[in-house]
Amino acid sequence: MRVSPLDLRQHRFRTVFRGYDKTEVVALLTEASDDYEHALREVDRRRQDLIRVEVLLQEHRDREVNLRNTLLTAQKLADDMREAAQHEARLIVKEAQGRADLLLHKTQARLEEVEHDIDEMRLRRRTVEGSLEASIQALTHALEFIREQNRPDDKVLLHRPRQAEGSPQPQPRQSGVDQPRVADERG
């Protein structure tokens, strides 16, 4: 059976011969009931404080779980973003290397074409130089031949018949290739 402070205040003892002083017993019971009531109020207040603190503790634990989950989610998201960025960077580098290889291949092919064109032009130049040299030599020989043809030859004696007085004078000879020279050789 639980005894409440009210029970202590309202309880009445029987009177017996040679018993305790009634005033002292009532005073002690009143004081005990007051202390007991104060203790019960304190326990009740402490229980309410405990409940309030447990509620706060549960809220903090919930927040901690939420923060932990948020941090894990943020870490996973950061890892995913870093991995995606690294993957994209690898793709960009791979694409750039492909473009560089293609450009290098095109440049190499163009270089080979240019070198081939240069070699071909050198061959043409040599052919043209040879042709020009041959033409110059042919023209030089033709010029020398023409000059020799127009030069009087010391070995060849020209004999001209004497002209009678009244006969027409022969026309002076013109220099040129298209007039044949007539010469008699004696000797």
N, C-alpha and C. Protein backbone atom coordinates (compact mmCIF):
# COMPACT_ATOMS: atom_id res chain seq x y z
N MET A 1 0.83 -1.17 0.00
CA MET A 1 0.00 0.00 0.00
C MET A 1 0.87 1.23 0.00
N ARG A 2 0.57 2.20 -0.91
CA ARG A 2 1.32 3.46 -0.98
C ARG A 2 0.66 4.47 -0.08
N VAL A 3 1.53 5.18 0.60
CA VAL A 3 1.03 6.21 1.51
C VAL A 3 1.30 7.55 0.86
N SER A 4 0.27 8.35 0.76
CA SER A 4 0.42 9.68 0.16
C SER A 4 0.57 10.70 1.27
N PRO A 5 1.03 11.93 0.96
CA PRO A 5 1.13 12.96 2.00
C PRO A 5 -0.22 13.27 2.61
N LEU A 6 -1.28 13.19 1.83
CA LEU A 6 -2.61 13.45 2.36
C LEU A 6 -3.00 12.37 3.39
N ASP A 7 -2.63 11.13 3.10
CA ASP A 7 -2.89 10.04 4.05
C ASP A 7 -2.19 10.30 5.38
N LEU A 8 -0.97 10.81 5.29
CA LEU A 8 -0.23 11.09 6.52
C LEU A 8 -0.91 12.20 7.30
N ARG A 9 -1.46 13.20 6.61
CA ARG A 9 -2.10 14.33 7.30
C ARG A 9 -3.45 13.91 7.93
N GLN A 10 -4.13 13.07 7.27
CA GLN A 10 -5.48 12.75 7.72
C GLN A 10 -5.53 11.51 8.65
N HIS A 11 -4.46 10.86 8.79
CA HIS A 11 -4.49 9.65 9.61
C HIS A 11 -4.63 10.02 11.10
N ARG A 12 -5.49 9.31 11.78
CA ARG A 12 -5.72 9.55 13.21
C ARG A 12 -5.40 8.28 13.96
N PHE A 13 -4.59 8.43 14.96
CA PHE A 13 -4.22 7.29 15.79
C PHE A 13 -5.22 7.13 16.95
N ARG A 14 -5.33 5.92 17.46
CA ARG A 14 -6.19 5.67 18.62
C ARG A 14 -5.50 6.15 19.88
N THR A 15 -6.27 6.50 20.80
CA THR A 15 -5.71 6.99 22.04
C THR A 15 -5.58 5.80 23.02
N VAL A 16 -4.45 5.71 23.62
CA VAL A 16 -4.20 4.62 24.57
C VAL A 16 -3.56 5.21 25.81
N PHE A 17 -3.57 4.48 26.81
CA PHE A 17 -2.96 4.95 28.06
C PHE A 17 -1.48 4.85 27.92
N ARG A 18 -0.90 5.83 28.31
CA ARG A 18 0.54 5.96 28.30
C ARG A 18 1.03 5.95 26.87
N GLY A 19 0.48 6.61 25.99
CA GLY A 19 0.91 6.70 24.60
C GLY A 19 1.76 7.94 24.34
N TYR A 20 2.01 8.17 23.14
CA TYR A 20 2.84 9.32 22.70
C TYR A 20 2.07 10.60 22.83
N ASP A 21 2.86 11.69 22.82
CA ASP A 21 2.22 13.01 22.90
C ASP A 21 1.56 13.24 21.55
N LYS A 22 0.30 13.49 21.60
CA LYS A 22 -0.50 13.64 20.41
C LYS A 22 -0.04 14.82 19.59
N THR A 23 0.34 15.90 20.11
CA THR A 23 0.76 17.10 19.41
C THR A 23 2.08 16.84 18.69
N GLU A 24 3.00 16.15 19.35
CA GLU A 24 4.29 15.86 18.72
C GLU A 24 4.10 14.92 17.52
N VAL A 25 3.23 13.94 17.70
CA VAL A 25 3.01 12.97 16.61
C VAL A 25 2.38 13.68 15.44
N VAL A 26 1.40 14.54 15.67
CA VAL A 26 0.75 15.26 14.57
C VAL A 26 1.76 16.19 13.90
N ALA A 27 2.60 16.86 14.69
CA ALA A 27 3.61 17.77 14.12
C ALA A 27 4.60 16.98 13.28
N LEU A 28 5.02 15.81 13.77
CA LEU A 28 5.97 14.99 13.02
C LEU A 28 5.32 14.49 11.73
N LEU A 29 4.09 14.04 11.83
CA LEU A 29 3.40 13.55 10.64
C LEU A 29 3.19 14.68 9.63
N THR A 30 2.88 15.88 10.09
CA THR A 30 2.69 17.02 9.18
C THR A 30 4.01 17.36 8.51
N GLU A 31 5.08 17.37 9.29
CA GLU A 31 6.40 17.69 8.71
C GLU A 31 6.80 16.60 7.73
N ALA A 32 6.58 15.35 8.07
CA ALA A 32 6.94 14.24 7.18
C ALA A 32 6.10 14.29 5.90
N SER A 33 4.80 14.61 6.07
CA SER A 33 3.95 14.70 4.88
C SER A 33 4.39 15.85 3.98
N ASP A 34 4.80 16.96 4.59
CA ASP A 34 5.30 18.09 3.77
C ASP A 34 6.58 17.69 3.02
N ASP A 35 7.50 17.04 3.72
CA ASP A 35 8.75 16.60 3.06
C ASP A 35 8.46 15.57 1.97
N TYR A 36 7.52 14.66 2.31
CA TYR A 36 7.18 13.63 1.34
C TYR A 36 6.51 14.25 0.10
N GLU A 37 5.64 15.21 0.32
CA GLU A 37 4.97 15.91 -0.78
C GLU A 37 5.99 16.67 -1.62
N HIS A 38 6.91 17.33 -0.93
CA HIS A 38 7.97 18.06 -1.64
C HIS A 38 8.83 17.10 -2.47
N ALA A 39 9.15 15.94 -1.91
CA ALA A 39 9.96 14.93 -2.60
C ALA A 39 9.20 14.40 -3.82
N LEU A 40 7.89 14.14 -3.65
CA LEU A 40 7.09 13.67 -4.78
C LEU A 40 7.01 14.71 -5.89
N ARG A 41 6.84 15.98 -5.50
CA ARG A 41 6.83 17.04 -6.52
C ARG A 41 8.17 17.11 -7.23
N GLU A 42 9.23 16.99 -6.45
CA GLU A 42 10.58 17.02 -7.05
C GLU A 42 10.77 15.85 -8.01
N VAL A 43 10.32 14.66 -7.61
CA VAL A 43 10.41 13.49 -8.49
C VAL A 43 9.59 13.72 -9.75
N ASP A 44 8.37 14.27 -9.56
CA ASP A 44 7.52 14.54 -10.72
C ASP A 44 8.18 15.55 -11.66
N ARG A 45 8.73 16.62 -11.05
CA ARG A 45 9.42 17.62 -11.88
C ARG A 45 10.62 17.00 -12.59
N ARG A 46 11.33 16.15 -11.86
CA ARG A 46 12.49 15.50 -12.48
C ARG A 46 12.04 14.55 -13.61
N ARG A 47 10.93 13.88 -13.44
CA ARG A 47 10.42 13.01 -14.50
C ARG A 47 10.05 13.83 -15.74
N GLN A 48 9.40 14.96 -15.51
CA GLN A 48 9.05 15.82 -16.64
C GLN A 48 10.31 16.36 -17.31
N ASP A 49 11.30 16.76 -16.48
CA ASP A 49 12.58 17.20 -17.07
C ASP A 49 13.23 16.07 -17.85
N LEU A 50 13.19 14.87 -17.29
CA LEU A 50 13.77 13.72 -17.96
C LEU A 50 13.06 13.45 -19.29
N ILE A 51 11.73 13.52 -19.28
CA ILE A 51 10.97 13.31 -20.52
C ILE A 51 11.33 14.38 -21.54
N ARG A 52 11.40 15.65 -21.08
CA ARG A 52 11.76 16.75 -21.98
C ARG A 52 13.17 16.55 -22.55
N VAL A 53 14.09 16.14 -21.66
CA VAL A 53 15.47 15.92 -22.11
C VAL A 53 15.54 14.72 -23.05
N GLU A 54 14.77 13.66 -22.77
CA GLU A 54 14.76 12.51 -23.66
C GLU A 54 14.20 12.88 -25.03
N VAL A 55 13.17 13.74 -25.02
CA VAL A 55 12.61 14.21 -26.30
C VAL A 55 13.68 15.00 -27.07
N LEU A 56 14.38 15.90 -26.35
CA LEU A 56 15.46 16.67 -27.00
C LEU A 56 16.57 15.74 -27.48
N LEU A 57 16.90 14.76 -26.63
CA LEU A 57 17.94 13.80 -27.02
C LEU A 57 17.52 13.04 -28.28
N GLN A 58 16.26 12.63 -28.32
CA GLN A 58 15.77 11.92 -29.51
C GLN A 58 15.81 12.82 -30.74
N GLU A 59 15.44 14.10 -30.55
CA GLU A 59 15.52 15.04 -31.67
C GLU A 59 16.96 15.19 -32.14
N HIS A 60 17.89 15.29 -31.18
CA HIS A 60 19.31 15.42 -31.55
C HIS A 60 19.81 14.16 -32.25
N ARG A 61 19.35 13.01 -31.75
CA ARG A 61 19.75 11.76 -32.40
C ARG A 61 19.18 11.70 -33.83
N ASP A 62 17.93 12.13 -33.97
CA ASP A 62 17.34 12.16 -35.31
C ASP A 62 18.11 13.12 -36.22
N ARG A 63 18.45 14.28 -35.67
CA ARG A 63 19.24 15.24 -36.46
C ARG A 63 20.60 14.65 -36.81
N GLU A 64 21.20 13.96 -35.84
CA GLU A 64 22.50 13.34 -36.11
C GLU A 64 22.39 12.32 -37.24
N VAL A 65 21.33 11.50 -37.18
CA VAL A 65 21.12 10.51 -38.24
C VAL A 65 20.91 11.22 -39.57
N ASN A 66 20.09 12.28 -39.55
CA ASN A 66 19.85 13.05 -40.78
C ASN A 66 21.14 13.66 -41.31
N LEU A 67 21.92 14.25 -40.38
CA LEU A 67 23.20 14.85 -40.80
C LEU A 67 24.15 13.78 -41.35
N ARG A 68 24.19 12.64 -40.67
CA ARG A 68 25.06 11.56 -41.13
C ARG A 68 24.62 11.10 -42.53
N ASN A 69 23.30 10.93 -42.68
CA ASN A 69 22.79 10.54 -44.00
C ASN A 69 23.07 11.60 -45.05
N THR A 70 22.90 12.87 -44.65
CA THR A 70 23.18 13.96 -45.58
C THR A 70 24.65 13.98 -45.96
N LEU A 71 25.51 13.79 -44.96
CA LEU A 71 26.96 13.75 -45.25
C LEU A 71 27.31 12.58 -46.15
N LEU A 72 26.72 11.42 -45.87
CA LEU A 72 26.98 10.26 -46.72
C LEU A 72 26.48 10.50 -48.14
N THR A 73 25.29 11.10 -48.24
CA THR A 73 24.74 11.41 -49.56
C THR A 73 25.62 12.43 -50.28
N ALA A 74 26.06 13.46 -49.53
CA ALA A 74 26.93 14.48 -50.13
C ALA A 74 28.26 13.85 -50.55
N GLN A 75 28.80 12.97 -49.72
CA GLN A 75 30.06 12.30 -50.06
C GLN A 75 29.89 11.43 -51.30
N LYS A 76 28.77 10.69 -51.34
CA LYS A 76 28.51 9.85 -52.51
C LYS A 76 28.33 10.70 -53.76
N LEU A 77 27.58 11.81 -53.61
CA LEU A 77 27.38 12.71 -54.74
C LEU A 77 28.70 13.31 -55.20
N ALA A 78 29.54 13.71 -54.24
CA ALA A 78 30.86 14.26 -54.59
C ALA A 78 31.71 13.20 -55.30
N ASP A 79 31.67 11.97 -54.79
CA ASP A 79 32.42 10.89 -55.44
C ASP A 79 31.89 10.63 -56.85
N ASP A 80 30.56 10.63 -56.97
CA ASP A 80 29.96 10.42 -58.31
C ASP A 80 30.34 11.55 -59.26
N MET A 81 30.29 12.79 -58.74
CA MET A 81 30.65 13.94 -59.59
C MET A 81 32.12 13.87 -59.98
N ARG A 82 32.99 13.53 -59.02
CA ARG A 82 34.42 13.42 -59.33
C ARG A 82 34.67 12.33 -60.36
N GLU A 83 33.98 11.19 -60.17
CA GLU A 83 34.14 10.09 -61.12
C GLU A 83 33.63 10.49 -62.50
N ALA A 84 32.47 11.18 -62.53
CA ALA A 84 31.93 11.63 -63.82
C ALA A 84 32.87 12.64 -64.47
N ALA A 85 33.41 13.54 -63.65
CA ALA A 85 34.35 14.54 -64.20
C ALA A 85 35.61 13.86 -64.72
N GLN A 86 36.11 12.87 -64.00
CA GLN A 86 37.29 12.14 -64.47
C GLN A 86 36.98 11.38 -65.75
N HIS A 87 35.80 10.78 -65.80
CA HIS A 87 35.40 10.06 -67.01
C HIS A 87 35.29 11.03 -68.19
N GLU A 88 34.65 12.18 -67.94
CA GLU A 88 34.52 13.19 -69.00
C GLU A 88 35.89 13.71 -69.42
N ALA A 89 36.77 13.90 -68.44
CA ALA A 89 38.13 14.37 -68.77
C ALA A 89 38.85 13.32 -69.61
N ARG A 90 38.69 12.03 -69.26
CA ARG A 90 39.32 10.98 -70.06
C ARG A 90 38.76 10.99 -71.48
N LEU A 91 37.42 11.18 -71.60
CA LEU A 91 36.83 11.24 -72.94
C LEU A 91 37.35 12.43 -73.74
N ILE A 92 37.45 13.57 -73.05
CA ILE A 92 37.96 14.78 -73.74
C ILE A 92 39.39 14.57 -74.18
N VAL A 93 40.21 13.98 -73.30
CA VAL A 93 41.62 13.73 -73.65
C VAL A 93 41.70 12.73 -74.79
N LYS A 94 40.86 11.68 -74.72
CA LYS A 94 40.87 10.67 -75.77
C LYS A 94 40.45 11.29 -77.11
N GLU A 95 39.40 12.13 -77.07
CA GLU A 95 38.94 12.80 -78.29
C GLU A 95 40.01 13.74 -78.82
N ALA A 96 40.66 14.47 -77.91
CA ALA A 96 41.73 15.38 -78.33
C ALA A 96 42.89 14.60 -78.93
N GLN A 97 43.22 13.46 -78.34
CA GLN A 97 44.29 12.64 -78.90
C GLN A 97 43.90 12.11 -80.27
N GLY A 98 42.62 11.72 -80.41
CA GLY A 98 42.15 11.26 -81.71
C GLY A 98 42.24 12.36 -82.76
N ARG A 99 41.81 13.56 -82.35
CA ARG A 99 41.90 14.70 -83.29
C ARG A 99 43.35 15.02 -83.61
N ALA A 100 44.20 14.97 -82.57
CA ALA A 100 45.62 15.25 -82.79
C ALA A 100 46.23 14.21 -83.72
N ASP A 101 45.87 12.93 -83.51
CA ASP A 101 46.38 11.87 -84.39
C ASP A 101 45.89 12.07 -85.81
N LEU A 102 44.60 12.41 -85.95
CA LEU A 102 44.05 12.66 -87.28
C LEU A 102 44.74 13.85 -87.94
N LEU A 103 44.90 14.92 -87.17
CA LEU A 103 45.58 16.11 -87.70
C LEU A 103 47.02 15.79 -88.06
N LEU A 104 47.69 15.01 -87.21
CA LEU A 104 49.07 14.62 -87.49
C LEU A 104 49.12 13.76 -88.75
N HIS A 105 48.15 12.85 -88.89
CA HIS A 105 48.11 12.00 -90.08
C HIS A 105 47.88 12.84 -91.34
N LYS A 106 46.91 13.78 -91.26
CA LYS A 106 46.64 14.66 -92.39
C LYS A 106 47.86 15.51 -92.72
N THR A 107 48.50 16.03 -91.66
CA THR A 107 49.69 16.86 -91.86
C THR A 107 50.80 16.04 -92.50
N GLN A 108 50.98 14.79 -92.03
CA GLN A 108 52.00 13.92 -92.60
C GLN A 108 51.70 13.64 -94.06
N ALA A 109 50.43 13.37 -94.36
CA ALA A 109 50.05 13.12 -95.75
C ALA A 109 50.28 14.36 -96.61
N ARG A 110 49.91 15.53 -96.07
CA ARG A 110 50.12 16.79 -96.81
C ARG A 110 51.60 17.04 -97.01
N LEU A 111 52.41 16.74 -95.97
CA LEU A 111 53.86 16.91 -96.07
C LEU A 111 54.42 16.01 -97.17
N GLU A 112 53.92 14.77 -97.21
CA GLU A 112 54.39 13.86 -98.26
C GLU A 112 53.97 14.38 -99.64
N GLU A 113 52.76 14.92 -99.75
CA GLU A 113 52.31 15.49 -101.02
C GLU A 113 53.21 16.66 -101.43
N VAL A 114 53.48 17.54 -100.46
CA VAL A 114 54.32 18.71 -100.76
C VAL A 114 55.72 18.26 -101.16
N GLU A 115 56.27 17.27 -100.42
CA GLU A 115 57.60 16.77 -100.79
C GLU A 115 57.59 16.14 -102.18
N HIS A 116 56.52 15.41 -102.48
CA HIS A 116 56.39 14.82 -103.82
C HIS A 116 56.31 15.92 -104.87
N ASP A 117 55.49 16.97 -104.60
CA ASP A 117 55.38 18.09 -105.53
C ASP A 117 56.72 18.79 -105.70
N ILE A 118 57.45 18.97 -104.60
CA ILE A 118 58.78 19.61 -104.68
C ILE A 118 59.71 18.76 -105.53
N ASP A 119 59.73 17.44 -105.30
CA ASP A 119 60.58 16.56 -106.11
C ASP A 119 60.18 16.62 -107.58
N GLU A 120 58.85 16.64 -107.82
CA GLU A 120 58.39 16.72 -109.20
C GLU A 120 58.80 18.05 -109.84
N MET A 121 58.69 19.15 -109.08
CA MET A 121 59.10 20.45 -109.62
C MET A 121 60.60 20.49 -109.87
N ARG A 122 61.36 19.85 -109.00
CA ARG A 122 62.82 19.79 -109.24
C ARG A 122 63.12 19.03 -110.52
N LEU A 123 62.39 17.93 -110.71
CA LEU A 123 62.59 17.17 -111.96
C LEU A 123 62.21 18.02 -113.17
N ARG A 124 61.08 18.70 -113.07
CA ARG A 124 60.67 19.58 -114.18
C ARG A 124 61.69 20.67 -114.41
N ARG A 125 62.21 21.23 -113.31
CA ARG A 125 63.21 22.30 -113.44
C ARG A 125 64.44 21.76 -114.16
N ARG A 126 64.89 20.55 -113.74
CA ARG A 126 66.06 19.97 -114.41
C ARG A 126 65.76 19.73 -115.89
N THR A 127 64.53 19.25 -116.15
CA THR A 127 64.15 19.01 -117.55
C THR A 127 64.12 20.32 -118.32
N VAL A 128 63.53 21.37 -117.73
CA VAL A 128 63.46 22.67 -118.39
C VAL A 128 64.87 23.24 -118.55
N GLU A 129 65.71 23.12 -117.49
CA GLU A 129 67.09 23.62 -117.61
C GLU A 129 67.83 22.89 -118.73
N GLY A 130 67.64 21.54 -118.76
CA GLY A 130 68.29 20.77 -119.83
C GLY A 130 67.78 21.19 -121.19
N SER A 131 66.46 21.39 -121.28
CA SER A 131 65.88 21.80 -122.55
C SER A 131 66.39 23.18 -122.96
N LEU A 132 66.44 24.11 -121.95
CA LEU A 132 66.95 25.45 -122.26
C LEU A 132 68.42 25.39 -122.68
N GLU A 133 69.21 24.59 -121.96
CA GLU A 133 70.63 24.46 -122.33
C GLU A 133 70.77 23.91 -123.74
N ALA A 134 69.93 22.89 -124.05
CA ALA A 134 69.98 22.31 -125.40
C ALA A 134 69.56 23.34 -126.44
N SER A 135 68.49 24.12 -126.11
CA SER A 135 68.04 25.15 -127.05
C SER A 135 69.12 26.22 -127.21
N ILE A 136 69.72 26.63 -126.07
CA ILE A 136 70.77 27.65 -126.15
C ILE A 136 71.95 27.13 -126.97
N GLN A 137 72.33 25.86 -126.76
CA GLN A 137 73.45 25.30 -127.53
C GLN A 137 73.10 25.20 -129.00
N ALA A 138 71.84 24.78 -129.26
CA ALA A 138 71.42 24.66 -130.67
C ALA A 138 71.42 26.04 -131.33
N LEU A 139 70.90 27.05 -130.60
CA LEU A 139 70.89 28.40 -131.15
C LEU A 139 72.31 28.94 -131.31
N THR A 140 73.16 28.63 -130.33
CA THR A 140 74.57 29.07 -130.44
C THR A 140 75.23 28.43 -131.65
N HIS A 141 75.02 27.14 -131.86
CA HIS A 141 75.60 26.46 -133.03
C HIS A 141 75.03 27.02 -134.32
N ALA A 142 73.70 27.29 -134.31
CA ALA A 142 73.09 27.84 -135.51
C ALA A 142 73.66 29.23 -135.79
N LEU A 143 73.84 30.04 -134.73
CA LEU A 143 74.41 31.38 -134.89
C LEU A 143 75.84 31.29 -135.40
N GLU A 144 76.61 30.37 -134.83
CA GLU A 144 77.99 30.20 -135.30
C GLU A 144 78.02 29.73 -136.75
N PHE A 145 77.09 28.83 -137.09
CA PHE A 145 77.03 28.34 -138.46
C PHE A 145 76.69 29.48 -139.41
N ILE A 146 75.73 30.31 -139.01
CA ILE A 146 75.33 31.44 -139.85
C ILE A 146 76.47 32.41 -139.98
N ARG A 147 77.16 32.68 -138.90
CA ARG A 147 78.30 33.60 -138.95
C ARG A 147 79.39 33.05 -139.84
N GLU A 148 79.60 31.75 -139.78
CA GLU A 148 80.63 31.14 -140.64
C GLU A 148 80.22 31.21 -142.10
N GLN A 149 78.96 31.09 -142.35
CA GLN A 149 78.47 31.13 -143.71
C GLN A 149 78.64 32.53 -144.30
N ASN A 150 78.53 33.55 -143.50
CA ASN A 150 78.63 34.91 -143.98
C ASN A 150 80.07 35.40 -144.02
N ARG A 151 80.96 34.74 -143.46
CA ARG A 151 82.35 35.15 -143.42
C ARG A 151 83.05 34.72 -144.74
N PRO A 152 83.82 35.59 -145.33
CA PRO A 152 84.52 35.16 -146.55
C PRO A 152 85.59 34.14 -146.20
N ASP A 153 85.67 33.17 -147.01
CA ASP A 153 86.63 32.09 -146.75
C ASP A 153 87.93 32.40 -147.49
N ASP A 154 89.02 32.37 -146.80
CA ASP A 154 90.32 32.69 -147.39
C ASP A 154 90.76 31.59 -148.34
N LYS A 155 90.33 30.44 -148.18
CA LYS A 155 90.75 29.33 -149.02
C LYS A 155 89.99 29.33 -150.34
N VAL A 156 88.85 29.88 -150.31
CA VAL A 156 88.05 29.87 -151.52
C VAL A 156 88.32 31.18 -152.27
N LEU A 157 88.70 31.04 -153.52
CA LEU A 157 88.96 32.22 -154.33
C LEU A 157 87.74 32.46 -155.20
N LEU A 158 87.39 33.63 -155.18
CA LEU A 158 86.24 33.97 -155.97
C LEU A 158 86.72 34.46 -157.34
N HIS A 159 86.13 33.93 -158.33
CA HIS A 159 86.49 34.38 -159.66
C HIS A 159 85.28 35.00 -160.29
N ARG A 160 85.54 36.22 -160.65
CA ARG A 160 84.44 36.89 -161.30
C ARG A 160 84.91 37.24 -162.72
N PRO A 161 84.06 36.98 -163.61
CA PRO A 161 84.46 37.35 -164.97
C PRO A 161 84.50 38.86 -165.11
N ARG A 162 85.39 39.26 -165.91
CA ARG A 162 85.53 40.69 -166.13
C ARG A 162 84.36 41.15 -166.95
N GLN A 163 84.03 42.23 -166.66
CA GLN A 163 82.86 42.72 -167.33
C GLN A 163 83.28 43.64 -168.46
N ALA A 164 82.52 43.50 -169.46
CA ALA A 164 82.77 44.37 -170.59
C ALA A 164 82.18 45.71 -170.27
N GLU A 165 82.74 46.63 -170.96
CA GLU A 165 82.30 47.98 -170.67
C GLU A 165 80.88 48.15 -171.12
N GLY A 166 80.07 48.30 -170.89
CA GLY A 166 78.68 48.47 -171.28
C GLY A 166 77.79 47.39 -170.70
N SER A 167 78.34 46.40 -170.07
CA SER A 167 77.46 45.37 -169.50
C SER A 167 77.01 45.78 -168.08
N PRO A 168 75.92 45.34 -167.71
CA PRO A 168 75.40 45.77 -166.39
C PRO A 168 76.26 45.23 -165.26
N GLN A 169 76.38 46.03 -164.24
CA GLN A 169 77.19 45.67 -163.06
C GLN A 169 76.39 44.69 -162.19
N PRO A 170 77.08 43.74 -161.68
CA PRO A 170 76.34 42.82 -160.78
C PRO A 170 75.91 43.53 -159.50
N GLN A 171 74.83 43.11 -158.97
CA GLN A 171 74.27 43.69 -157.73
C GLN A 171 75.15 43.30 -156.55
N PRO A 172 75.36 44.25 -155.69
CA PRO A 172 76.17 43.87 -154.51
C PRO A 172 75.43 42.81 -153.69
N ARG A 173 76.22 42.00 -153.11
CA ARG A 173 75.68 40.87 -152.34
C ARG A 173 75.17 41.36 -150.99
N GLN A 174 73.98 40.87 -150.62
CA GLN A 174 73.40 41.24 -149.32
C GLN A 174 73.65 40.11 -148.33
N SER A 175 73.89 40.53 -147.13
CA SER A 175 74.15 39.50 -146.12
C SER A 175 72.81 38.88 -145.73
N GLY A 176 72.81 37.64 -145.55
CA GLY A 176 71.59 36.93 -145.17
C GLY A 176 71.73 35.48 -145.49
N VAL A 177 70.89 34.73 -144.96
CA VAL A 177 70.99 33.30 -145.12
C VAL A 177 70.27 32.85 -146.38
N ASP A 178 69.25 33.57 -146.80
CA ASP A 178 68.42 33.10 -147.88
C ASP A 178 69.01 33.34 -149.26
N GLN A 179 70.18 34.02 -149.43
CA GLN A 179 70.80 34.19 -150.74
C GLN A 179 71.95 33.21 -150.86
N PRO A 180 71.92 32.38 -151.82
CA PRO A 180 73.02 31.42 -151.99
C PRO A 180 74.21 32.12 -152.58
N ARG A 181 75.36 31.71 -152.14
CA ARG A 181 76.60 32.29 -152.66
C ARG A 181 77.11 31.41 -153.81
N VAL A 182 77.53 32.05 -154.83
CA VAL A 182 78.07 31.31 -155.97
C VAL A 182 79.56 31.58 -155.98
N ALA A 183 80.30 30.56 -155.96
CA ALA A 183 81.74 30.72 -155.96
C ALA A 183 82.35 29.64 -156.84
N ASP A 184 83.37 30.04 -157.55
CA ASP A 184 84.09 29.08 -158.36
C ASP A 184 85.39 28.78 -157.65
N GLU A 185 85.71 27.61 -157.69
CA GLU A 185 86.96 27.25 -157.05
C GLU A 185 87.96 26.91 -158.12
N ARG A 186 89.08 27.46 -157.94
CA ARG A 186 90.17 27.12 -158.84
C ARG A 186 91.32 26.65 -158.02
N GLY A 187 91.94 25.80 -158.63
CA GLY A 187 93.09 25.58 -157.94
C GLY A 187 93.64 24.34 -157.77
